[in-house]
Amino acid sequence: MASRTAAKSKKPGKSKAEAPVRGSAAKVGRTAAGSEPQVEIDRLRAELASARKRIAELEAQHENLVNRIDWAIDSLHSLIEE
C-alpha cells in the first residue's frame, strides 16, 4: 500500500476566533452595547424578581406535594393497622 504523503489540509474559512457570535452571547453583547447600562440593570433586576417569585411558587407547590404524599402514607398505615 502506498503511504499517504500529503497532510490533510484544513478547509478554508473563518477560525473560531473569527466566527460570528451566536446564541445568548450575541444577545448579551447586542443589548449591552446598544443600550444604556442602567436600562440593562433595570431589566436584569426585573428578571431576577420574576425568577425569585417563580422559585417561591415552585417551593410552595413542592411543600404541598410532600404534605399530600405524607397524608397518603399516613392513611395507608392506618388502614394496615385496622
PDB file of N, CA and C in Angstrom:
ATOM      1  N   MET A   1       0.837  -1.180   0.000  1.00  0.00           N
ATOM      2  CA  MET A   1       0.000   0.000   0.000  1.00  0.00           C
ATOM      3  C   MET A   1       0.876   1.233   0.000  1.00  0.00           C
ATOM      4  N   ALA A   2       0.441   2.191  -0.718  1.00  0.00           N
ATOM      5  CA  ALA A   2       1.189   3.451  -0.772  1.00  0.00           C
ATOM      6  C   ALA A   2       0.890   4.268   0.469  1.00  0.00           C
ATOM      7  N   SER A   3       1.912   4.872   1.011  1.00  0.00           N
ATOM      8  CA  SER A   3       1.692   5.692   2.206  1.00  0.00           C
ATOM      9  C   SER A   3       1.251   7.085   1.789  1.00  0.00           C
ATOM     10  N   ARG A   4       0.504   7.665   2.650  1.00  0.00           N
ATOM     11  CA  ARG A   4      -0.030   8.989   2.367  1.00  0.00           C
ATOM     12  C   ARG A   4       1.046  10.026   2.691  1.00  0.00           C
ATOM     13  N   THR A   5       1.430  10.810   1.691  1.00  0.00           N
ATOM     14  CA  THR A   5       2.486  11.786   1.907  1.00  0.00           C
ATOM     15  C   THR A   5       1.937  13.177   2.155  1.00  0.00           C
ATOM     16  N   ALA A   6       0.821  13.456   1.616  1.00  0.00           N
ATOM     17  CA  ALA A   6       0.273  14.810   1.776  1.00  0.00           C
ATOM     18  C   ALA A   6      -0.530  14.883   3.067  1.00  0.00           C
ATOM     19  N   ALA A   7      -0.294  15.899   3.828  1.00  0.00           N
ATOM     20  CA  ALA A   7      -1.032  16.091   5.078  1.00  0.00           C
ATOM     21  C   ALA A   7      -2.423  16.646   4.755  1.00  0.00           C
ATOM     22  N   LYS A   8      -3.341  16.325   5.608  1.00  0.00           N
ATOM     23  CA  LYS A   8      -4.686  16.848   5.400  1.00  0.00           C
ATOM     24  C   LYS A   8      -4.661  18.359   5.585  1.00  0.00           C
ATOM     25  N   SER A   9      -5.304  19.039   4.689  1.00  0.00           N
ATOM     26  CA  SER A   9      -5.364  20.492   4.834  1.00  0.00           C
ATOM     27  C   SER A   9      -6.725  20.873   5.402  1.00  0.00           C
ATOM     28  N   LYS A  10      -6.722  21.903   6.187  1.00  0.00           N
ATOM     29  CA  LYS A  10      -7.980  22.376   6.765  1.00  0.00           C
ATOM     30  C   LYS A  10      -8.759  23.114   5.697  1.00  0.00           C
ATOM     31  N   LYS A  11     -10.065  23.077   5.855  1.00  0.00           N
ATOM     32  CA  LYS A  11     -10.897  23.792   4.906  1.00  0.00           C
ATOM     33  C   LYS A  11     -10.695  25.291   5.109  1.00  0.00           C
ATOM     34  N   PRO A  12     -10.650  26.029   4.024  1.00  0.00           N
ATOM     35  CA  PRO A  12     -10.511  27.474   4.181  1.00  0.00           C
ATOM     36  C   PRO A  12     -11.792  28.041   4.792  1.00  0.00           C
ATOM     37  N   GLY A  13     -11.649  29.026   5.620  1.00  0.00           N
ATOM     38  CA  GLY A  13     -12.811  29.633   6.254  1.00  0.00           C
ATOM     39  C   GLY A  13     -12.387  30.373   7.494  1.00  0.00           C
ATOM     40  N   LYS A  14     -13.354  30.756   8.256  1.00  0.00           N
ATOM     41  CA  LYS A  14     -13.073  31.519   9.464  1.00  0.00           C
ATOM     42  C   LYS A  14     -12.622  30.596  10.577  1.00  0.00           C
ATOM     43  N   SER A  15     -11.698  31.075  11.364  1.00  0.00           N
ATOM     44  CA  SER A  15     -11.286  30.316  12.535  1.00  0.00           C
ATOM     45  C   SER A  15     -12.307  30.550  13.629  1.00  0.00           C
ATOM     46  N   LYS A  16     -12.165  29.839  14.744  1.00  0.00           N
ATOM     47  CA  LYS A  16     -13.101  30.007  15.851  1.00  0.00           C
ATOM     48  C   LYS A  16     -13.095  31.433  16.369  1.00  0.00           C
ATOM     49  N   ALA A  17     -11.942  32.069  16.366  1.00  0.00           N
ATOM     50  CA  ALA A  17     -11.849  33.439  16.860  1.00  0.00           C
ATOM     51  C   ALA A  17     -12.557  34.416  15.936  1.00  0.00           C
ATOM     52  N   GLU A  18     -12.595  34.100  14.639  1.00  0.00           N
ATOM     53  CA  GLU A  18     -13.216  34.990  13.672  1.00  0.00           C
ATOM     54  C   GLU A  18     -14.687  34.677  13.439  1.00  0.00           C
ATOM     55  N   ALA A  19     -15.161  33.552  13.933  1.00  0.00           N
ATOM     56  CA  ALA A  19     -16.533  33.133  13.700  1.00  0.00           C
ATOM     57  C   ALA A  19     -17.500  34.081  14.402  1.00  0.00           C
ATOM     58  N   PRO A  20     -18.679  34.299  13.812  1.00  0.00           N
ATOM     59  CA  PRO A  20     -19.647  35.193  14.453  1.00  0.00           C
ATOM     60  C   PRO A  20     -20.188  34.586  15.743  1.00  0.00           C
ATOM     61  N   VAL A  21     -20.492  35.444  16.693  1.00  0.00           N
ATOM     62  CA  VAL A  21     -21.031  35.006  17.976  1.00  0.00           C
ATOM     63  C   VAL A  21     -22.516  34.731  17.791  1.00  0.00           C
ATOM     64  N   ARG A  22     -22.965  33.583  18.320  1.00  0.00           N
ATOM     65  CA  ARG A  22     -24.366  33.194  18.171  1.00  0.00           C
ATOM     66  C   ARG A  22     -24.969  32.910  19.522  1.00  0.00           C
ATOM     67  N   GLY A  23     -26.292  32.830  19.569  1.00  0.00           N
ATOM     68  CA  GLY A  23     -26.999  32.431  20.785  1.00  0.00           C
ATOM     69  C   GLY A  23     -27.070  33.542  21.810  1.00  0.00           C
ATOM     70  N   SER A  24     -27.066  33.142  23.089  1.00  0.00           N
ATOM     71  CA  SER A  24     -27.246  34.101  24.173  1.00  0.00           C
ATOM     72  C   SER A  24     -26.083  35.078  24.266  1.00  0.00           C
ATOM     73  N   ALA A  25     -24.882  34.645  23.886  1.00  0.00           N
ATOM     74  CA  ALA A  25     -23.734  35.547  23.937  1.00  0.00           C
ATOM     75  C   ALA A  25     -23.933  36.711  22.971  1.00  0.00           C
ATOM     76  N   ALA A  26     -24.538  36.449  21.825  1.00  0.00           N
ATOM     77  CA  ALA A  26     -24.795  37.514  20.868  1.00  0.00           C
ATOM     78  C   ALA A  26     -25.846  38.471  21.406  1.00  0.00           C
ATOM     79  N   LYS A  27     -26.864  37.938  22.071  1.00  0.00           N
ATOM     80  CA  LYS A  27     -27.921  38.781  22.629  1.00  0.00           C
ATOM     81  C   LYS A  27     -27.369  39.687  23.712  1.00  0.00           C
ATOM     82  N   VAL A  28     -26.530  39.137  24.584  1.00  0.00           N
ATOM     83  CA  VAL A  28     -25.950  39.929  25.666  1.00  0.00           C
ATOM     84  C   VAL A  28     -25.080  41.028  25.092  1.00  0.00           C
ATOM     85  N   GLY A  29     -24.250  40.701  24.129  1.00  0.00           N
ATOM     86  CA  GLY A  29     -23.382  41.692  23.522  1.00  0.00           C
ATOM     87  C   GLY A  29     -24.162  42.776  22.822  1.00  0.00           C
ATOM     88  N   ARG A  30     -25.231  42.399  22.139  1.00  0.00           N
ATOM     89  CA  ARG A  30     -26.032  43.353  21.407  1.00  0.00           C
ATOM     90  C   ARG A  30     -26.763  44.290  22.361  1.00  0.00           C
ATOM     91  N   THR A  31     -27.363  43.744  23.412  1.00  0.00           N
ATOM     92  CA  THR A  31     -28.134  44.585  24.318  1.00  0.00           C
ATOM     93  C   THR A  31     -27.236  45.468  25.162  1.00  0.00           C
ATOM     94  N   ALA A  32     -26.087  44.969  25.576  1.00  0.00           N
ATOM     95  CA  ALA A  32     -25.190  45.764  26.398  1.00  0.00           C
ATOM     96  C   ALA A  32     -24.563  46.887  25.583  1.00  0.00           C
ATOM     97  N   ALA A  33     -24.254  46.621  24.328  1.00  0.00           N
ATOM     98  CA  ALA A  33     -23.594  47.618  23.504  1.00  0.00           C
ATOM     99  C   ALA A  33     -24.589  48.641  22.970  1.00  0.00           C
ATOM    100  N   GLY A  34     -25.842  48.239  22.789  1.00  0.00           N
ATOM    101  CA  GLY A  34     -26.804  49.115  22.155  1.00  0.00           C
ATOM    102  C   GLY A  34     -27.726  49.846  23.109  1.00  0.00           C
ATOM    103  N   SER A  35     -27.545  49.746  24.405  1.00  0.00           N
ATOM    104  CA  SER A  35     -28.448  50.412  25.327  1.00  0.00           C
ATOM    105  C   SER A  35     -27.684  51.004  26.491  1.00  0.00           C
ATOM    106  N   GLU A  36     -28.380  51.816  27.230  1.00  0.00           N
ATOM    107  CA  GLU A  36     -27.788  52.426  28.421  1.00  0.00           C
ATOM    108  C   GLU A  36     -27.542  51.348  29.467  1.00  0.00           C
ATOM    109  N   PRO A  37     -26.481  51.440  30.232  1.00  0.00           N
ATOM    110  CA  PRO A  37     -26.219  50.434  31.272  1.00  0.00           C
ATOM    111  C   PRO A  37     -27.336  50.364  32.317  1.00  0.00           C
ATOM    112  N   GLN A  38     -27.931  51.492  32.671  1.00  0.00           N
ATOM    113  CA  GLN A  38     -28.987  51.487  33.686  1.00  0.00           C
ATOM    114  C   GLN A  38     -30.222  50.749  33.201  1.00  0.00           C
ATOM    115  N   VAL A  39     -30.531  50.843  31.925  1.00  0.00           N
ATOM    116  CA  VAL A  39     -31.678  50.129  31.359  1.00  0.00           C
ATOM    117  C   VAL A  39     -31.441  48.622  31.472  1.00  0.00           C
ATOM    118  N   GLU A  40     -30.224  48.212  31.176  1.00  0.00           N
ATOM    119  CA  GLU A  40     -29.872  46.788  31.273  1.00  0.00           C
ATOM    120  C   GLU A  40     -29.949  46.317  32.726  1.00  0.00           C
ATOM    121  N   ILE A  41     -29.473  47.129  33.653  1.00  0.00           N
ATOM    122  CA  ILE A  41     -29.527  46.776  35.071  1.00  0.00           C
ATOM    123  C   ILE A  41     -30.975  46.626  35.527  1.00  0.00           C
ATOM    124  N   ASP A  42     -31.832  47.560  35.120  1.00  0.00           N
ATOM    125  CA  ASP A  42     -33.247  47.501  35.496  1.00  0.00           C
ATOM    126  C   ASP A  42     -33.917  46.250  34.930  1.00  0.00           C
ATOM    127  N   ARG A  43     -33.581  45.927  33.689  1.00  0.00           N
ATOM    128  CA  ARG A  43     -34.162  44.732  33.070  1.00  0.00           C
ATOM    129  C   ARG A  43     -33.727  43.481  33.814  1.00  0.00           C
ATOM    130  N   LEU A  44     -32.456  43.412  34.179  1.00  0.00           N
ATOM    131  CA  LEU A  44     -31.946  42.245  34.904  1.00  0.00           C
ATOM    132  C   LEU A  44     -32.552  42.142  36.303  1.00  0.00           C
ATOM    133  N   ARG A  45     -32.760  43.286  36.959  1.00  0.00           N
ATOM    134  CA  ARG A  45     -33.401  43.264  38.278  1.00  0.00           C
ATOM    135  C   ARG A  45     -34.835  42.763  38.180  1.00  0.00           C
ATOM    136  N   ALA A  46     -35.555  43.201  37.150  1.00  0.00           N
ATOM    137  CA  ALA A  46     -36.927  42.733  36.953  1.00  0.00           C
ATOM    138  C   ALA A  46     -36.945  41.236  36.669  1.00  0.00           C
ATOM    139  N   GLU A  47     -36.006  40.773  35.869  1.00  0.00           N
ATOM    140  CA  GLU A  47     -35.904  39.343  35.569  1.00  0.00           C
ATOM    141  C   GLU A  47     -35.587  38.537  36.827  1.00  0.00           C
ATOM    142  N   LEU A  48     -34.710  39.071  37.671  1.00  0.00           N
ATOM    143  CA  LEU A  48     -34.366  38.412  38.927  1.00  0.00           C
ATOM    144  C   LEU A  48     -35.569  38.340  39.858  1.00  0.00           C
ATOM    145  N   ALA A  49     -36.332  39.421  39.946  1.00  0.00           N
ATOM    146  CA  ALA A  49     -37.531  39.431  40.794  1.00  0.00           C
ATOM    147  C   ALA A  49     -38.544  38.405  40.294  1.00  0.00           C
ATOM    148  N   SER A  50     -38.696  38.311  38.985  1.00  0.00           N
ATOM    149  CA  SER A  50     -39.614  37.325  38.402  1.00  0.00           C
ATOM    150  C   SER A  50     -39.149  35.905  38.701  1.00  0.00           C
ATOM    151  N   ALA A  51     -37.849  35.669  38.612  1.00  0.00           N
ATOM    152  CA  ALA A  51     -37.305  34.336  38.890  1.00  0.00           C
ATOM    153  C   ALA A  51     -37.478  33.972  40.357  1.00  0.00           C
ATOM    154  N   ARG A  52     -37.265  34.932  41.237  1.00  0.00           N
ATOM    155  CA  ARG A  52     -37.454  34.668  42.666  1.00  0.00           C
ATOM    156  C   ARG A  52     -38.909  34.353  42.989  1.00  0.00           C
ATOM    157  N   LYS A  53     -39.830  35.055  42.329  1.00  0.00           N
ATOM    158  CA  LYS A  53     -41.256  34.795  42.533  1.00  0.00           C
ATOM    159  C   LYS A  53     -41.597  33.380  42.076  1.00  0.00           C
ATOM    160  N   ARG A  54     -41.074  32.986  40.922  1.00  0.00           N
ATOM    161  CA  ARG A  54     -41.327  31.641  40.390  1.00  0.00           C
ATOM    162  C   ARG A  54     -40.746  30.572  41.310  1.00  0.00           C
ATOM    163  N   ILE A  55     -39.575  30.824  41.851  1.00  0.00           N
ATOM    164  CA  ILE A  55     -38.954  29.871  42.786  1.00  0.00           C
ATOM    165  C   ILE A  55     -39.827  29.703  44.017  1.00  0.00           C
ATOM    166  N   ALA A  56     -40.358  30.810  44.540  1.00  0.00           N
ATOM    167  CA  ALA A  56     -41.232  30.734  45.709  1.00  0.00           C
ATOM    168  C   ALA A  56     -42.495  29.928  45.398  1.00  0.00           C
ATOM    169  N   GLU A  57     -43.053  30.123  44.208  1.00  0.00           N
ATOM    170  CA  GLU A  57     -44.238  29.349  43.803  1.00  0.00           C
ATOM    171  C   GLU A  57     -43.915  27.860  43.720  1.00  0.00           C
ATOM    172  N   LEU A  58     -42.775  27.529  43.130  1.00  0.00           N
ATOM    173  CA  LEU A  58     -42.390  26.125  42.998  1.00  0.00           C
ATOM    174  C   LEU A  58     -42.108  25.491  44.359  1.00  0.00           C
ATOM    175  N   GLU A  59     -41.508  26.246  45.265  1.00  0.00           N
ATOM    176  CA  GLU A  59     -41.259  25.719  46.606  1.00  0.00           C
ATOM    177  C   GLU A  59     -42.579  25.459  47.331  1.00  0.00           C
ATOM    178  N   ALA A  60     -43.565  26.339  47.157  1.00  0.00           N
ATOM    179  CA  ALA A  60     -44.872  26.133  47.777  1.00  0.00           C
ATOM    180  C   ALA A  60     -45.557  24.894  47.198  1.00  0.00           C
ATOM    181  N   GLN A  61     -45.471  24.715  45.891  1.00  0.00           N
ATOM    182  CA  GLN A  61     -46.040  23.527  45.255  1.00  0.00           C
ATOM    183  C   GLN A  61     -45.353  22.270  45.774  1.00  0.00           C
ATOM    184  N   HIS A  62     -44.052  22.321  45.927  1.00  0.00           N
ATOM    185  CA  HIS A  62     -43.292  21.178  46.426  1.00  0.00           C
ATOM    186  C   HIS A  62     -43.738  20.824  47.841  1.00  0.00           C
ATOM    187  N   GLU A  63     -43.882  21.847  48.671  1.00  0.00           N
ATOM    188  CA  GLU A  63     -44.316  21.599  50.049  1.00  0.00           C
ATOM    189  C   GLU A  63     -45.717  20.983  50.087  1.00  0.00           C
ATOM    190  N   ASN A  64     -46.611  21.484  49.256  1.00  0.00           N
ATOM    191  CA  ASN A  64     -47.967  20.916  49.192  1.00  0.00           C
ATOM    192  C   ASN A  64     -47.926  19.463  48.730  1.00  0.00           C
ATOM    193  N   LEU A  65     -47.108  19.180  47.763  1.00  0.00           N
ATOM    194  CA  LEU A  65     -46.993  17.816  47.251  1.00  0.00           C
ATOM    195  C   LEU A  65     -46.449  16.874  48.318  1.00  0.00           C
ATOM    196  N   VAL A  66     -45.434  17.315  49.033  1.00  0.00           N
ATOM    197  CA  VAL A  66     -44.867  16.489  50.100  1.00  0.00           C
ATOM    198  C   VAL A  66     -45.912  16.237  51.182  1.00  0.00           C
ATOM    199  N   ASN A  67     -46.685  17.262  51.524  1.00  0.00           N
ATOM    200  CA  ASN A  67     -47.736  17.096  52.531  1.00  0.00           C
ATOM    201  C   ASN A  67     -48.796  16.094  52.082  1.00  0.00           C
ATOM    202  N   ARG A  68     -49.177  16.148  50.808  1.00  0.00           N
ATOM    203  CA  ARG A  68     -50.175  15.199  50.294  1.00  0.00           C
ATOM    204  C   ARG A  68     -49.650  13.764  50.329  1.00  0.00           C
ATOM    205  N   ILE A  69     -48.402  13.601  49.918  1.00  0.00           N
ATOM    206  CA  ILE A  69     -47.805  12.263  49.936  1.00  0.00           C
ATOM    207  C   ILE A  69     -47.720  11.747  51.369  1.00  0.00           C
ATOM    208  N   ASP A  70     -47.335  12.618  52.294  1.00  0.00           N
ATOM    209  CA  ASP A  70     -47.254  12.237  53.708  1.00  0.00           C
ATOM    210  C   ASP A  70     -48.634  11.833  54.234  1.00  0.00           C
ATOM    211  N   TRP A  71     -49.645  12.589  53.849  1.00  0.00           N
ATOM    212  CA  TRP A  71     -51.014  12.273  54.262  1.00  0.00           C
ATOM    213  C   TRP A  71     -51.440  10.908  53.710  1.00  0.00           C
ATOM    214  N   ALA A  72     -51.110  10.633  52.438  1.00  0.00           N
ATOM    215  CA  ALA A  72     -51.486   9.359  51.822  1.00  0.00           C
ATOM    216  C   ALA A  72     -50.781   8.194  52.527  1.00  0.00           C
ATOM    217  N   ILE A  73     -49.525   8.381  52.856  1.00  0.00           N
ATOM    218  CA  ILE A  73     -48.787   7.325  53.557  1.00  0.00           C
ATOM    219  C   ILE A  73     -49.393   7.081  54.934  1.00  0.00           C
ATOM    220  N   ASP A  74     -49.729   8.156  55.647  1.00  0.00           N
ATOM    221  CA  ASP A  74     -50.357   8.006  56.955  1.00  0.00           C
ATOM    222  C   ASP A  74     -51.702   7.276  56.841  1.00  0.00           C
ATOM    223  N   SER A  75     -52.463   7.599  55.810  1.00  0.00           N
ATOM    224  CA  SER A  75     -53.755   6.930  55.590  1.00  0.00           C
ATOM    225  C   SER A  75     -53.561   5.449  55.343  1.00  0.00           C
ATOM    226  N   LEU A  76     -52.571   5.099  54.547  1.00  0.00           N
ATOM    227  CA  LEU A  76     -52.308   3.696  54.251  1.00  0.00           C
ATOM    228  C   LEU A  76     -51.855   2.957  55.524  1.00  0.00           C
ATOM    229  N   HIS A  77     -51.036   3.601  56.336  1.00  0.00           N
ATOM    230  CA  HIS A  77     -50.611   2.976  57.586  1.00  0.00           C
ATOM    231  C   HIS A  77     -51.787   2.731  58.517  1.00  0.00           C
ATOM    232  N   SER A  78     -52.709   3.678  58.555  1.00  0.00           N
ATOM    233  CA  SER A  78     -53.891   3.488  59.429  1.00  0.00           C
ATOM    234  C   SER A  78     -54.783   2.358  58.911  1.00  0.00           C
ATOM    235  N   LEU A  79     -54.844   2.174  57.598  1.00  0.00           N
ATOM    236  CA  LEU A  79     -55.634   1.068  57.038  1.00  0.00           C
ATOM    237  C   LEU A  79     -54.991  -0.265  57.359  1.00  0.00           C
ATOM    238  N   ILE A  80     -53.681  -0.313  57.328  1.00  0.00           N
ATOM    239  CA  ILE A  80     -52.958  -1.555  57.622  1.00  0.00           C
ATOM    240  C   ILE A  80     -53.157  -1.946  59.086  1.00  0.00           C
ATOM    241  N   GLU A  81     -53.168  -0.977  59.976  1.00  0.00           N
ATOM    242  CA  GLU A  81     -53.298  -1.244  61.405  1.00  0.00           C
ATOM    243  C   GLU A  81     -54.676  -1.787  61.775  1.00  0.00           C
ATOM    244  N   GLU A  82     -55.675  -1.476  60.978  1.00  0.00           N
ATOM    245  CA  GLU A  82     -57.042  -1.919  61.305  1.00  0.00           C
ATOM    246  C   GLU A  82     -57.274  -3.368  61.051  1.00  0.00           C
TER     247      GLU A  82
END
